[in-house]
Amino acid sequence: MTHDYLIIGAGPAGLQLAALLERDGHDYVVLEAGSAPGTFFATYPRHRQLISINKVWTGSDDPEFNLRSDWNSLLTDDPSLLFKNYSKRYFPSADDLVRYLADFARGLRIRYDSRVSTVRKDGDLFVVSAGSSTWTARRVIVATGVSQLYVPPIEGADLAERYDTVSVEPDDFINQRVLIVGKGNSAFETADALVETAAVIHVAGPHAIKLAWQSHYVGHLRAVNNNFLDTYQLKSQNAVLDGTIERITRRPDGGFRILFRYARTVENLREIDYDRVILATGFRFDATPFADSARPRLVIDDRFPAQTPAFESVNVPGLYFAGTLTQQRDFKKSTSGFIHGFRYGVRALHRILRTRYHGEPWPSVRVEVTPEAVTDAIVARINVTSALWQQFAVLADVVTMDGRYCAEVPVAYLKETAEFGPLVLVTTLEYGPDHDQVDPFDITVPRIAENDPAAAHDASYLHPVVRAYRDGQVVAEHHMAENLENHWNIPAVHQQPLVVFLKGVL
């Protein structure tokens, strides 16, 4: 039997796509290597606290608005399958997410214990081997996530312990000198866990630490993991080292010696001794199962598959990607690497597949194409939408000149398709271009006046932007003023200026 869709991986992205295909009656099958869904989260994060927020109480009973503060739920019409029913903690346990995914997977066509060993292409069809079974499909969607630890090209890196296997028992590090390689959340999660027992902890990497509260990228260092920075700056025998590790060698008397090249000190090279060295350097895509006929081109240090705006491999037609792998499209800029971002990307992929292979137009509602009616429709949406809120600058609402309001269209895809017509109005939520260059807590930095429509184009914080595109090119642009509580519905500040702009366009 040849399936229309074969999904590899029953993590959050694979489950999200499977649920949408199941709802619409499409032919699909999911192959999962583990014995249950979401096996990645049975191990990671190693210290079991998620950094995806679960804000149960928002003051609103609007389910769409509430998804802005729910970073773990998948998209569903079943209110029992909201993550708030599994935990009330703001930073929940990974074990709760595993339970949630197991319940979400019920009723979906998943084959467990089916580790894919080979993916190849035979003409227009994909042939996938998993265990003793062989599957044939017209299209393959890879939703495996970044399943392998990324090991940087350091001489002697094989001597180090790894984030995926190192002990998580603090008592195993009593009075030891520990080097943690990496400056992301996994590195600082590990460091924070050891501050009570290790004698010395150094966290090292070649790039400056970026704090999520300043960059607005949730994959940068989160406050919940950065207690270690206090122990460094308040002189508690710990440190953050800026530079590169040139070499790791084993000492004859035990432990390790590293050769470190400083980035910012007069002393260029230095040898430092440690009892333990741990690699916490992130993860990458595993391309091992892909034969030459179906092997996707890799980018970003070969960590991710290169993708078109439709989430399709740039060199293997019919091979698509879903989930955290799609962060290649907005790497370290938006939220495609995380459930609260890629759940909308998966829904967009589902709509693209329906358009391409089933003749279904993008879902829409009718809107009268007048400045006043379009303004009302845009304002109503931007004050509740979770998709544009989470996938800022990546997803957009589109108004066509034949009166269709199409929600959650990838901006890059919009620019490459004629589906919506030559002239469209495109609404996104965006930060200003230099939003990550300013300390938001520094009161000496000049700020844009809140609710000032005259200064809206210089806004640095999240705000709506409405653009007119003609044949894929921006021909007019309007910024709506910032608002402390993100309520963009003040008539004189938000609505009337937008009406004036739309009159000029329409």
Protein backbone atom coordinates (compact mmCIF):
# COMPACT_ATOMS: atom_id res chain seq x y z
CA MET A 1 0.00 0.00 0.00
CA THR A 2 1.26 3.48 -0.85
CA HIS A 3 0.35 6.14 1.70
CA ASP A 4 -0.20 9.78 0.87
CA TYR A 5 1.76 10.88 3.94
CA LEU A 6 4.35 9.12 6.06
CA ILE A 7 5.40 11.00 9.19
CA ILE A 8 8.68 10.07 10.88
CA GLY A 9 8.53 10.81 14.61
CA ALA A 10 5.68 10.90 17.16
CA GLY A 11 6.92 13.89 19.11
CA PRO A 12 4.81 17.05 19.46
CA ALA A 13 5.16 18.04 15.79
CA GLY A 14 4.41 14.58 14.43
CA LEU A 15 1.37 14.30 16.69
CA GLN A 16 0.15 17.76 15.70
CA LEU A 17 0.32 16.97 12.00
CA ALA A 18 -1.19 13.51 12.48
CA ALA A 19 -4.13 14.99 14.41
CA LEU A 20 -4.84 17.47 11.61
CA LEU A 21 -4.62 14.77 8.93
CA GLU A 22 -6.83 12.49 11.01
CA ARG A 23 -9.42 15.24 11.49
CA ASP A 24 -9.63 15.82 7.74
CA GLY A 25 -9.73 12.14 6.80
CA HIS A 26 -6.39 11.96 4.99
CA ASP A 27 -4.30 8.84 4.48
CA TYR A 28 -1.21 8.83 6.72
CA VAL A 29 0.90 6.75 9.06
CA VAL A 30 3.37 7.77 11.77
CA LEU A 31 6.54 5.77 12.45
CA GLU A 32 8.00 6.22 15.94
CA ALA A 33 11.27 4.67 17.10
CA GLY A 34 10.25 4.55 20.75
CA SER A 35 7.58 2.58 22.51
CA ALA A 36 5.55 5.71 23.29
CA PRO A 37 5.11 9.24 21.92
CA GLY A 38 7.37 12.09 22.97
CA THR A 39 10.33 9.92 23.98
CA PHE A 40 12.73 12.89 23.68
CA PHE A 41 11.03 14.47 26.68
CA ALA A 42 11.41 11.28 28.70
CA THR A 43 15.10 12.25 28.86
CA TYR A 44 15.31 15.98 28.22
CA PRO A 45 15.76 18.36 29.82
CA ARG A 46 18.02 16.26 32.02
CA HIS A 47 16.98 18.00 35.24
CA ARG A 48 13.31 17.64 34.26
CA GLN A 49 12.12 21.25 34.52
CA LEU A 50 10.73 22.66 31.29
CA ILE A 51 11.39 26.29 30.35
CA SER A 52 8.17 26.47 28.33
CA ILE A 53 5.68 28.43 30.41
CA ASN A 54 2.30 27.22 31.59
CA LYS A 55 0.41 30.32 32.72
CA VAL A 56 -3.00 28.99 33.68
CA TRP A 57 -4.63 32.21 34.91
CA THR A 58 -4.71 35.05 32.36
CA GLY A 59 -7.88 36.94 33.30
CA SER A 60 -9.46 35.82 30.02
CA ASP A 61 -11.73 32.96 29.03
CA ASP A 62 -10.87 33.31 25.32
CA PRO A 63 -9.12 30.03 24.36
CA GLU A 64 -7.23 31.67 21.49
CA PHE A 65 -5.88 34.46 23.70
CA ASN A 66 -4.95 32.00 26.44
CA LEU A 67 -2.66 30.08 24.09
CA ARG A 68 -0.35 33.08 24.23
CA SER A 69 0.57 31.98 27.76
CA ASP A 70 0.31 28.23 27.18
CA TRP A 71 3.52 27.04 25.55
CA ASN A 72 2.91 23.31 25.83
CA SER A 73 -0.55 22.52 24.46
CA LEU A 74 -0.94 21.28 20.92
CA LEU A 75 -3.72 22.74 18.77
CA THR A 76 -6.97 20.90 19.33
CA ASP A 77 -10.70 21.43 19.60
CA ASP A 78 -10.81 19.17 22.68
CA PRO A 79 -10.61 21.32 25.84
CA SER A 80 -9.60 18.29 27.89
CA LEU A 81 -6.36 18.19 25.89
CA LEU A 82 -5.06 21.50 27.19
CA PHE A 83 -1.88 21.35 29.21
CA LYS A 84 -3.40 23.22 32.14
CA ASN A 85 -5.24 19.97 32.93
CA TYR A 86 -1.90 18.23 33.43
CA SER A 87 -0.01 20.79 35.52
CA LYS A 88 -0.59 24.12 37.22
CA ARG A 89 3.12 24.91 37.55
CA TYR A 90 4.46 27.88 35.60
CA PHE A 91 7.54 25.85 34.65
CA PRO A 92 6.14 22.31 34.63
CA SER A 93 7.92 19.00 34.82
CA ALA A 94 8.91 17.24 31.61
CA ASP A 95 7.16 14.16 32.98
CA ASP A 96 3.85 16.03 32.77
CA LEU A 97 4.51 16.75 29.09
CA VAL A 98 5.19 13.06 28.46
CA ARG A 99 1.82 12.19 30.04
CA TYR A 100 0.11 14.87 27.98
CA LEU A 101 1.58 13.66 24.68
CA ALA A 102 0.56 10.08 25.47
CA ASP A 103 -3.06 11.17 25.86
CA PHE A 104 -2.94 13.37 22.75
CA ALA A 105 -1.66 10.43 20.69
CA ARG A 106 -4.65 8.19 21.42
CA GLY A 107 -6.62 7.39 18.28
CA LEU A 108 -3.85 8.43 15.87
CA ARG A 109 -2.30 5.96 13.40
CA ILE A 110 1.10 5.46 14.99
CA ARG A 111 3.42 2.47 14.67
CA TYR A 112 5.67 2.35 17.73
CA ASP A 113 9.03 0.55 18.02
CA SER A 114 9.55 1.38 14.34
CA ARG A 115 12.97 3.00 14.09
CA VAL A 116 13.57 4.18 10.54
CA SER A 117 16.81 2.78 9.15
CA THR A 118 16.60 3.87 5.51
CA VAL A 119 14.78 6.53 3.51
CA ARG A 120 15.26 6.41 -0.24
CA LYS A 121 13.46 7.60 -3.31
CA ASP A 122 12.28 5.35 -6.12
CA GLY A 123 11.00 7.59 -8.89
CA ASP A 124 8.32 9.82 -7.37
CA LEU A 125 7.79 7.57 -4.35
CA PHE A 126 9.61 7.26 -1.04
CA VAL A 127 10.57 3.84 0.27
CA VAL A 128 11.11 3.78 4.03
CA SER A 129 12.52 0.83 5.98
CA ALA A 130 11.71 0.52 9.67
CA GLY A 131 12.63 -2.69 11.45
CA SER A 132 11.39 -5.60 9.34
CA SER A 133 8.77 -3.48 7.57
CA THR A 134 8.95 -1.44 4.39
CA TRP A 135 6.64 1.49 3.73
CA THR A 136 5.90 3.38 0.53
CA ALA A 137 4.64 6.96 0.48
CA ARG A 138 4.09 9.81 -1.92
CA ARG A 139 5.34 12.29 0.63
CA VAL A 140 7.47 12.03 3.78
CA ILE A 141 7.34 14.52 6.64
CA VAL A 142 10.31 14.36 9.01
CA ALA A 143 9.35 15.35 12.56
CA THR A 144 12.25 13.75 14.45
CA GLY A 145 13.56 16.95 15.98
CA VAL A 146 17.26 17.48 16.64
CA SER A 147 17.92 14.07 18.10
CA GLN A 148 21.72 13.93 18.24
CA LEU A 149 24.10 15.91 20.43
CA TYR A 150 26.13 18.40 18.43
CA VAL A 151 29.83 17.82 19.13
CA PRO A 152 31.98 20.83 18.22
CA PRO A 153 35.29 20.29 16.40
CA ILE A 154 37.49 20.31 19.51
CA GLU A 155 40.59 18.13 19.67
CA GLY A 156 39.95 15.54 22.40
CA ALA A 157 36.20 16.19 22.56
CA ASP A 158 35.67 12.43 22.76
CA LEU A 159 37.26 12.48 26.23
CA ALA A 160 34.52 14.72 27.64
CA GLU A 161 31.25 13.65 29.20
CA ARG A 162 28.07 14.61 27.39
CA TYR A 163 24.94 16.43 28.43
CA ASP A 164 22.81 13.52 27.25
CA THR A 165 24.54 10.96 29.49
CA VAL A 166 26.31 12.80 32.34
CA SER A 167 25.12 12.14 35.89
CA VAL A 168 22.36 14.42 37.16
CA GLU A 169 23.19 13.65 40.82
CA PRO A 170 24.88 16.71 42.39
CA ASP A 171 26.61 14.54 44.98
CA ASP A 172 28.62 12.92 42.18
CA PHE A 173 30.46 16.25 41.80
CA ILE A 174 31.32 17.03 45.42
CA ASN A 175 34.41 19.26 45.70
CA GLN A 176 35.30 18.82 42.02
CA ARG A 177 36.45 21.32 39.42
CA VAL A 178 34.00 21.16 36.50
CA LEU A 179 34.14 22.69 33.02
CA ILE A 180 30.87 22.91 31.09
CA VAL A 181 31.30 23.59 27.37
CA GLY A 182 28.43 25.65 25.93
CA LYS A 183 26.56 28.79 26.84
CA GLY A 184 22.96 27.79 26.20
CA ASN A 185 20.18 26.67 28.51
CA SER A 186 21.44 23.09 28.75
CA ALA A 187 24.85 24.34 29.92
CA PHE A 188 23.44 26.67 32.55
CA GLU A 189 20.79 24.17 33.61
CA THR A 190 23.67 21.81 34.36
CA ALA A 191 25.73 24.50 36.09
CA ASP A 192 22.85 25.59 38.31
CA ALA A 193 22.34 22.00 39.42
CA LEU A 194 25.97 21.78 40.61
CA VAL A 195 26.47 25.05 42.47
CA GLU A 196 25.83 23.46 45.88
CA THR A 197 28.36 20.65 45.49
CA ALA A 198 31.09 21.43 42.96
CA ALA A 199 34.15 23.34 44.15
CA VAL A 200 34.62 25.29 40.92
CA ILE A 201 32.38 25.53 37.86
CA HIS A 202 33.45 27.21 34.63
CA VAL A 203 31.05 27.65 31.72
CA ALA A 204 32.88 28.28 28.44
CA GLY A 205 32.08 29.14 24.85
CA PRO A 206 33.18 31.38 21.98
CA HIS A 207 30.08 33.57 21.84
CA ALA A 208 28.68 36.17 24.22
CA ILE A 209 25.81 35.11 26.44
CA LYS A 210 22.49 36.31 25.08
CA LEU A 211 19.67 36.74 27.57
CA ALA A 212 16.18 35.88 26.40
CA TRP A 213 14.57 38.81 28.18
CA GLN A 214 16.66 41.15 26.03
CA SER A 215 16.84 39.30 22.70
CA HIS A 216 13.18 38.11 22.84
CA TYR A 217 14.39 34.75 21.53
CA VAL A 218 13.22 32.15 24.03
CA GLY A 219 16.06 29.79 23.17
CA HIS A 220 18.64 32.20 24.54
CA LEU A 221 19.54 31.97 28.22
CA ARG A 222 16.37 32.10 30.30
CA ALA A 223 16.18 33.73 33.73
CA VAL A 224 15.09 30.43 35.28
CA ASN A 225 18.50 28.99 34.34
CA ASN A 226 20.78 31.95 35.00
CA ASN A 227 21.26 31.88 38.79
CA PHE A 228 24.80 30.76 37.99
CA LEU A 229 25.63 34.27 36.74
CA ASP A 230 25.23 35.58 40.30
CA THR A 231 27.76 33.05 41.58
CA TYR A 232 30.24 34.33 38.99
CA GLN A 233 29.81 38.07 39.43
CA LEU A 234 29.55 37.79 43.23
CA LYS A 235 32.85 35.88 43.37
CA SER A 236 31.78 32.39 44.45
CA GLN A 237 34.63 30.52 42.68
CA ASN A 238 32.63 30.12 39.49
CA ALA A 239 33.21 31.83 36.15
CA VAL A 240 32.06 32.28 32.58
CA LEU A 241 34.95 31.97 30.12
CA ASP A 242 34.76 33.75 26.77
CA GLY A 243 36.79 31.99 24.10
CA THR A 244 37.48 28.66 22.45
CA ILE A 245 38.70 25.35 23.77
CA GLU A 246 41.60 24.32 21.54
CA ARG A 247 42.35 20.94 23.07
CA ILE A 248 41.27 18.51 25.79
CA THR A 249 43.85 16.02 27.12
CA ARG A 250 43.81 13.50 29.95
CA ARG A 251 46.20 14.18 32.84
CA PRO A 252 48.43 11.32 34.02
CA ASP A 253 47.28 11.82 37.62
CA GLY A 254 43.59 11.93 36.68
CA GLY A 255 41.25 14.61 35.39
CA PHE A 256 41.77 16.75 32.33
CA ARG A 257 43.81 19.66 31.06
CA ILE A 258 42.34 22.03 28.52
CA LEU A 259 44.07 24.56 26.32
CA PHE A 260 41.88 27.64 26.25
CA ARG A 261 42.13 30.60 23.88
CA TYR A 262 40.68 33.71 25.49
CA ALA A 263 38.62 36.11 23.43
CA ARG A 264 38.91 39.17 25.65
CA THR A 265 42.04 39.08 27.82
CA VAL A 266 45.70 39.98 27.39
CA GLU A 267 46.61 36.38 28.19
CA ASN A 268 45.81 34.66 24.89
CA LEU A 269 46.34 30.96 25.67
CA ARG A 270 46.07 29.26 29.02
CA GLU A 271 46.10 25.70 30.33
CA ILE A 272 43.47 24.94 32.98
CA ASP A 273 42.91 21.70 34.89
CA TYR A 274 39.54 20.14 35.72
CA ASP A 275 38.20 16.95 37.27
CA ARG A 276 35.27 16.79 34.83
CA VAL A 277 34.56 18.24 31.37
CA ILE A 278 30.96 18.20 30.12
CA LEU A 279 29.78 19.00 26.59
CA ALA A 280 26.45 20.88 26.57
CA THR A 281 26.71 22.20 23.04
CA GLY A 282 23.22 21.70 21.66
CA PHE A 283 21.69 19.19 19.26
CA ARG A 284 21.52 18.50 15.54
CA PHE A 285 19.44 16.68 12.94
CA ASP A 286 20.33 13.03 12.31
CA ALA A 287 20.60 12.53 8.55
CA THR A 288 22.05 9.02 8.83
CA PRO A 289 18.97 7.10 7.52
CA PHE A 290 18.74 9.08 4.27
CA ALA A 291 20.15 7.41 1.16
CA ASP A 292 21.72 9.58 -1.52
CA SER A 293 18.47 9.59 -3.52
CA ALA A 294 16.62 11.24 -0.61
CA ARG A 295 19.36 12.93 1.38
CA PRO A 296 18.42 16.54 2.22
CA ARG A 297 20.96 19.31 1.94
CA LEU A 298 22.16 20.44 5.39
CA VAL A 299 22.98 23.94 6.61
CA ILE A 300 24.06 25.78 9.80
CA ASP A 301 27.10 23.59 10.53
CA ASP A 302 25.16 20.63 9.07
CA ARG A 303 22.77 20.79 12.02
CA PHE A 304 19.52 21.39 10.08
CA PRO A 305 18.00 20.47 6.72
CA ALA A 306 17.67 23.37 4.27
CA GLN A 307 14.01 24.16 3.52
CA THR A 308 11.89 26.17 1.14
CA PRO A 309 9.22 28.58 2.45
CA ALA A 310 6.82 25.61 2.21
CA PHE A 311 8.95 23.56 4.67
CA GLU A 312 10.04 21.28 1.82
CA SER A 313 13.60 20.11 1.26
CA VAL A 314 15.38 22.40 -1.18
CA ASN A 315 16.78 19.41 -3.08
CA VAL A 316 14.40 16.47 -2.46
CA PRO A 317 10.87 17.14 -3.77
CA GLY A 318 8.14 15.67 -1.57
CA LEU A 319 10.34 15.58 1.54
CA TYR A 320 8.93 17.97 4.16
CA PHE A 321 9.89 18.91 7.71
CA ALA A 322 7.82 19.73 10.77
CA GLY A 323 8.59 20.85 14.28
CA THR A 324 11.86 22.08 15.69
CA LEU A 325 13.67 21.25 12.45
CA THR A 326 11.82 24.15 10.82
CA GLN A 327 13.76 26.64 12.93
CA GLN A 328 16.21 26.64 10.03
CA ARG A 329 13.80 29.11 8.44
CA ASP A 330 14.03 31.65 11.31
CA PHE A 331 17.09 30.45 13.20
CA LYS A 332 17.39 32.17 16.59
CA LYS A 333 14.95 34.89 15.51
CA SER A 334 11.46 33.58 16.24
CA THR A 335 9.92 30.50 17.88
CA SER A 336 9.88 27.68 15.30
CA GLY A 337 12.22 25.63 17.48
CA PHE A 338 9.65 25.32 20.25
CA ILE A 339 6.19 23.80 20.70
CA HIS A 340 4.48 27.17 21.16
CA GLY A 341 5.87 28.25 17.79
CA PHE A 342 5.99 25.17 15.61
CA ARG A 343 2.46 24.04 16.45
CA TYR A 344 1.34 26.90 14.19
CA GLY A 345 4.02 26.09 11.63
CA VAL A 346 2.68 22.53 11.47
CA ARG A 347 -0.84 23.85 10.92
CA ALA A 348 0.50 26.06 8.12
CA LEU A 349 2.28 23.05 6.60
CA HIS A 350 -0.98 21.09 6.75
CA ARG A 351 -2.73 23.88 4.86
CA ILE A 352 0.06 24.02 2.28
CA LEU A 353 -0.23 20.26 1.72
CA ARG A 354 -4.00 20.53 1.31
CA THR A 355 -3.54 23.32 -1.24
CA ARG A 356 -0.83 21.55 -3.21
CA TYR A 357 -2.18 18.02 -3.27
CA HIS A 358 -5.91 18.21 -2.58
CA GLY A 359 -6.98 21.42 -4.31
CA GLU A 360 -8.15 23.04 -1.06
CA PRO A 361 -7.74 26.83 -0.84
CA TRP A 362 -6.33 28.43 2.29
CA PRO A 363 -9.11 28.62 4.93
CA SER A 364 -10.70 32.06 5.08
CA VAL A 365 -13.63 34.12 6.26
CA ARG A 366 -15.33 36.84 4.27
CA VAL A 367 -14.54 40.49 4.83
CA GLU A 368 -15.82 43.56 3.02
CA VAL A 369 -12.86 45.27 1.35
CA THR A 370 -13.35 48.76 2.72
CA PRO A 371 -10.92 50.61 5.01
CA GLU A 372 -13.34 50.50 7.93
CA ALA A 373 -14.29 46.82 7.62
CA VAL A 374 -10.70 45.66 7.10
CA THR A 375 -9.56 47.74 10.07
CA ASP A 376 -12.23 46.17 12.28
CA ALA A 377 -11.22 42.67 11.16
CA ILE A 378 -7.50 43.28 11.74
CA VAL A 379 -7.99 44.90 15.15
CA ALA A 380 -10.29 42.10 16.29
CA ARG A 381 -7.70 39.48 15.34
CA ILE A 382 -4.50 41.07 16.61
CA ASN A 383 -5.93 41.52 20.09
CA VAL A 384 -6.48 37.78 20.58
CA THR A 385 -4.38 35.87 18.03
CA SER A 386 -1.87 33.48 19.55
CA ALA A 387 -0.27 32.41 16.24
CA LEU A 388 0.93 35.87 15.20
CA TRP A 389 1.88 36.56 18.82
CA GLN A 390 4.07 33.46 19.09
CA GLN A 391 5.38 33.37 15.51
CA PHE A 392 6.21 37.07 15.34
CA ALA A 393 7.39 38.24 11.89
CA VAL A 394 7.00 34.65 10.59
CA LEU A 395 3.23 34.21 10.26
CA ALA A 396 0.80 36.80 8.93
CA ASP A 397 -2.90 37.37 8.42
CA VAL A 398 -3.70 38.19 4.80
CA VAL A 399 -6.62 40.14 3.33
CA THR A 400 -7.18 39.58 -0.38
CA MET A 401 -8.83 42.00 -2.75
CA ASP A 402 -11.64 39.52 -3.41
CA GLY A 403 -12.67 39.70 0.26
CA ARG A 404 -10.95 36.74 1.93
CA TYR A 405 -9.38 37.03 5.38
CA CYS A 406 -6.77 34.24 5.52
CA ALA A 407 -5.14 33.62 8.89
CA GLU A 408 -1.62 32.47 9.74
CA VAL A 409 0.10 32.42 6.35
CA PRO A 410 3.92 32.10 6.46
CA VAL A 411 5.29 35.42 5.21
CA ALA A 412 8.00 33.74 3.14
CA TYR A 413 5.45 31.42 1.51
CA LEU A 414 3.16 34.35 0.76
CA LYS A 415 5.91 36.02 -1.24
CA GLU A 416 6.33 32.96 -3.47
CA THR A 417 2.73 32.01 -4.25
CA ALA A 418 0.09 33.59 -6.44
CA GLU A 419 -2.69 31.95 -4.42
CA PHE A 420 -3.78 35.17 -2.72
CA GLY A 421 -3.72 37.48 -5.73
CA PRO A 422 -1.36 40.26 -6.86
CA LEU A 423 -2.37 42.81 -4.19
CA VAL A 424 -2.78 41.77 -0.55
CA LEU A 425 -2.81 43.36 2.89
CA VAL A 426 -0.50 41.56 5.32
CA THR A 427 -0.58 41.89 9.11
CA THR A 428 2.19 40.67 11.41
CA LEU A 429 3.28 41.27 14.98
CA GLU A 430 6.93 42.34 15.11
CA TYR A 431 9.64 43.79 17.28
CA GLY A 432 11.60 46.79 16.04
CA PRO A 433 14.81 46.08 14.08
CA ASP A 434 17.12 46.96 17.01
CA HIS A 435 14.96 45.56 19.79
CA ASP A 436 17.74 43.31 21.08
CA GLN A 437 20.36 46.06 21.30
CA VAL A 438 18.78 47.93 24.22
CA ASP A 439 18.57 46.97 27.88
CA PRO A 440 14.81 47.20 28.49
CA PHE A 441 15.42 47.91 32.18
CA ASP A 442 17.76 50.85 31.61
CA ILE A 443 15.63 53.93 32.31
CA THR A 444 18.29 56.24 30.82
CA VAL A 445 17.61 54.83 27.35
CA PRO A 446 15.06 56.96 25.47
CA ARG A 447 11.83 55.06 24.97
CA ILE A 448 9.13 55.45 22.36
CA ALA A 449 6.08 57.06 23.94
CA GLU A 450 3.39 54.48 24.56
CA ASN A 451 0.26 54.92 22.47
CA ASP A 452 1.98 57.46 20.22
CA PRO A 453 0.90 56.77 16.63
CA ALA A 454 3.31 59.40 15.27
CA ALA A 455 6.29 57.44 16.65
CA ALA A 456 4.95 53.94 15.99
CA HIS A 457 7.36 53.29 13.11
CA ASP A 458 10.25 53.53 15.61
CA ALA A 459 8.71 51.11 18.11
CA SER A 460 11.11 48.53 19.51
CA TYR A 461 8.65 46.37 21.44
CA LEU A 462 6.12 43.97 19.90
CA HIS A 463 3.50 45.79 17.84
CA PRO A 464 1.32 45.21 14.75
CA VAL A 465 2.62 46.06 11.29
CA VAL A 466 0.28 46.20 8.28
CA ARG A 467 1.85 46.11 4.83
CA ALA A 468 0.50 46.18 1.29
CA TYR A 469 2.19 43.71 -1.04
CA ARG A 470 1.95 43.89 -4.79
CA ASP A 471 3.39 40.91 -6.67
CA GLY A 472 5.36 39.89 -3.59
CA GLN A 473 6.89 43.34 -2.99
CA VAL A 474 6.05 45.76 -0.18
CA VAL A 475 4.50 48.94 -1.60
CA ALA A 476 3.18 50.52 1.61
CA GLU A 477 3.73 49.99 5.35
CA HIS A 478 1.97 51.08 8.54
CA HIS A 479 3.06 50.52 12.16
CA MET A 480 0.56 50.55 15.00
CA ALA A 481 1.64 52.12 18.29
CA GLU A 482 3.02 50.08 21.18
CA ASN A 483 0.75 49.43 24.14
CA LEU A 484 1.80 48.35 27.63
CA GLU A 485 -0.78 45.56 27.83
CA ASN A 486 -0.79 44.81 24.11
CA HIS A 487 -4.29 46.18 23.59
CA TRP A 488 -4.24 47.69 20.11
CA ASN A 489 -7.82 48.93 20.04
CA ILE A 490 -7.80 52.56 21.12
CA PRO A 491 -9.82 54.35 18.41
CA ALA A 492 -7.71 57.51 18.05
CA VAL A 493 -4.40 55.70 18.55
CA HIS A 494 -4.79 52.42 16.67
CA GLN A 495 -7.94 52.24 14.59
CA GLN A 496 -8.24 55.66 12.99
CA PRO A 497 -4.61 55.83 11.77
CA LEU A 498 -5.05 52.36 10.24
CA VAL A 499 -8.23 53.46 8.45
CA VAL A 500 -6.34 56.42 6.99
CA PHE A 501 -3.52 54.14 5.82
CA LEU A 502 -5.91 51.67 4.21
CA LYS A 503 -7.74 54.46 2.41
CA GLY A 504 -4.46 55.39 0.77
CA VAL A 505 -3.86 51.79 -0.30
CA LEU A 506 -7.37 50.78 -1.37
